Protein backbone atom coordinates (compact mmCIF):
# COMPACT_ATOMS: atom_id res chain seq x y z
CA LEU A 1 -5.58 44.74 124.19
CA LEU A 2 -4.56 47.14 121.44
CA PRO A 3 -6.88 49.92 120.35
CA PHE A 4 -8.49 49.12 116.98
CA SER A 5 -6.99 51.90 114.89
CA ASN A 6 -5.77 55.46 114.83
CA ALA A 7 -8.61 57.81 114.61
CA ASN A 8 -6.67 59.94 112.15
CA GLU A 9 -5.80 56.89 109.94
CA LYS A 10 -7.16 57.37 106.46
CA ARG A 11 -8.80 54.15 105.52
CA PRO A 12 -8.74 52.92 101.85
CA THR A 13 -11.94 53.25 99.82
CA ARG A 14 -13.41 51.91 96.67
CA GLU A 15 -12.49 55.22 95.04
CA THR A 16 -8.89 55.07 96.13
CA ASN A 17 -8.54 51.38 95.15
CA PRO A 18 -10.51 50.88 92.04
CA ASN A 19 -9.02 47.56 91.12
CA VAL A 20 -10.43 45.93 94.26
CA ARG A 21 -13.65 44.08 93.16
CA PHE A 22 -15.05 42.85 96.48
CA TRP A 23 -15.56 45.91 98.76
CA THR A 24 -18.71 44.34 100.25
CA LYS A 25 -19.91 40.88 100.94
CA THR A 26 -22.65 41.57 98.39
CA ASP A 27 -20.17 42.31 95.73
CA TYR A 28 -18.56 38.92 96.39
CA ASP A 29 -21.79 37.01 96.64
CA ASP A 30 -22.98 38.53 93.29
CA TRP A 31 -19.62 37.48 91.73
CA LEU A 32 -20.08 33.89 93.16
CA ASP A 33 -23.35 33.60 91.25
CA SER A 34 -21.87 34.89 87.94
CA PRO A 35 -20.66 32.78 84.96
CA GLU A 36 -17.19 34.31 85.43
CA ALA A 37 -16.95 32.79 88.91
CA ALA A 38 -17.66 29.33 87.56
CA GLY A 39 -14.73 29.42 85.31
CA SER A 40 -12.47 31.28 87.69
CA ASN A 41 -9.16 29.92 89.17
CA ARG A 42 -9.18 32.49 92.02
CA GLY A 43 -9.46 29.58 94.48
CA LEU A 44 -10.91 29.15 98.00
CA TYR A 45 -9.83 32.70 99.06
CA ALA A 46 -11.20 34.41 95.96
CA TYR A 47 -12.60 37.26 98.18
CA LEU A 48 -9.02 38.27 99.45
CA GLU A 49 -7.31 40.57 97.18
CA ASP A 50 -4.55 43.15 97.09
CA GLU A 51 -4.76 46.66 95.84
CA ASN A 52 -4.39 45.27 92.27
CA GLY A 53 -7.37 43.08 92.74
CA ASP A 54 -5.14 39.89 92.67
CA VAL A 55 -5.59 36.91 95.12
CA PRO A 56 -2.62 36.73 97.43
CA LYS A 57 0.05 34.00 96.73
CA SER A 58 -0.18 30.78 98.51
CA GLU A 59 2.79 31.77 100.63
CA THR A 60 0.95 34.96 101.89
CA LEU A 61 -2.20 32.92 102.42
CA GLY A 62 -0.20 30.55 104.61
CA LYS A 63 1.08 33.49 106.66
CA ILE A 64 -2.45 34.85 106.95
CA ARG A 65 -3.71 31.42 108.33
CA LYS A 66 -0.61 31.26 110.77
CA ALA A 67 -1.27 34.82 112.06
CA LEU A 68 -5.05 34.03 112.48
CA ARG A 69 -4.10 30.97 114.62
CA ALA A 70 -1.66 33.04 116.72
CA GLY A 71 -4.30 35.75 117.34
CA TRP A 72 -6.88 33.12 118.27
CA ARG A 73 -4.24 31.55 120.73
CA GLU A 74 -3.72 34.95 122.30
CA LEU A 75 -7.41 35.38 122.78
CA GLY A 76 -7.61 31.89 124.46
CA GLN A 77 -4.72 32.73 126.81
CA ARG A 78 -6.61 35.90 127.76
CA GLY A 79 -9.89 34.00 128.28
CA MET A 80 -11.52 35.90 125.52
CA ALA A 81 -11.88 33.09 122.98
CA PRO A 82 -15.49 32.84 121.94
CA ASP A 83 -17.45 29.63 121.31
CA THR A 84 -18.04 30.69 117.80
CA TRP A 85 -16.63 33.75 115.88
CA GLY A 86 -20.16 35.16 115.70
CA LYS A 87 -20.09 35.40 119.46
CA ALA A 88 -16.75 37.16 119.69
CA SER A 89 -16.63 40.20 121.92
CA THR A 90 -15.93 43.69 120.55
CA SER A 91 -12.56 43.60 122.28
CA ALA A 92 -11.67 40.22 120.65
CA ILE A 93 -12.76 41.55 117.18
CA HIS A 94 -10.80 44.72 117.61
CA PHE A 95 -7.72 42.91 118.71
CA MET A 96 -7.76 40.56 115.66
CA ARG A 97 -8.62 43.31 113.29
CA SER A 98 -5.81 45.46 114.62
CA GLN A 99 -3.24 42.75 114.40
CA MET A 100 -4.36 41.37 110.99
CA GLU A 101 -4.70 44.76 109.25
CA LYS A 102 -1.27 45.72 110.59
CA ASP A 103 0.35 42.67 109.17
CA PHE A 104 -1.86 42.19 106.17
CA PRO A 105 -3.18 45.60 104.87
CA LEU A 106 -5.34 43.76 102.31
CA PHE A 107 -7.89 43.28 105.13
CA LYS A 108 -8.48 47.07 104.96
CA LEU A 109 -9.72 46.62 101.53
CA ALA A 110 -13.20 45.78 102.64
CA GLU A 111 -16.19 47.68 103.97
CA ASN A 112 -16.55 47.36 107.65
CA GLY A 113 -13.88 44.59 107.89
CA TRP A 114 -16.14 41.97 106.23
CA LYS A 115 -13.28 39.88 104.70
CA LEU A 116 -11.58 39.30 108.14
CA LYS A 117 -14.92 38.53 109.65
CA TYR A 118 -15.73 36.13 106.79
CA ILE A 119 -12.39 34.15 107.02
CA CYS A 120 -12.72 34.02 110.77
CA THR A 121 -16.26 32.72 110.64
CA LYS A 122 -15.30 30.11 108.06
CA THR A 123 -12.20 28.82 110.00
CA TYR A 124 -12.38 29.67 113.67
CA SER A 125 -14.72 26.94 114.82
CA ALA A 126 -12.54 24.07 113.34
CA TRP A 127 -9.35 25.62 115.01
CA ARG A 128 -11.21 26.11 118.38
CA LYS A 129 -12.51 22.48 118.35
CA HIS A 130 -8.86 21.19 118.15
CA HIS A 131 -7.04 23.76 120.13
CA LEU A 132 -9.10 24.94 123.12
């Protein structure tokens, strides 16, 4: 498996990307409870955002879902597919994070990779049930 990231890589921060609203899961949860969220058209993937704070277009979201499925298939082929995403090994998590952040830098716009963990937690079990 690939190493997670280059130790010299400079990670984005809230300070370098002020338009990103949801750096932490708490930021997102607080927004979900707000009146603004009730009237929002940000959709199911409201927590995913680019450096401008915009939700990715549906085409990009489709590519993200396709890449997730490909990564999970790879984990399955290597005998590393967990029963649930919460039980994923460190190696499996690092593999997925490396691949997804390389192809979709918007996953770097989150403290400790929470957005990738969240989308995997929400979608992995249904995929696993039908494909492994």
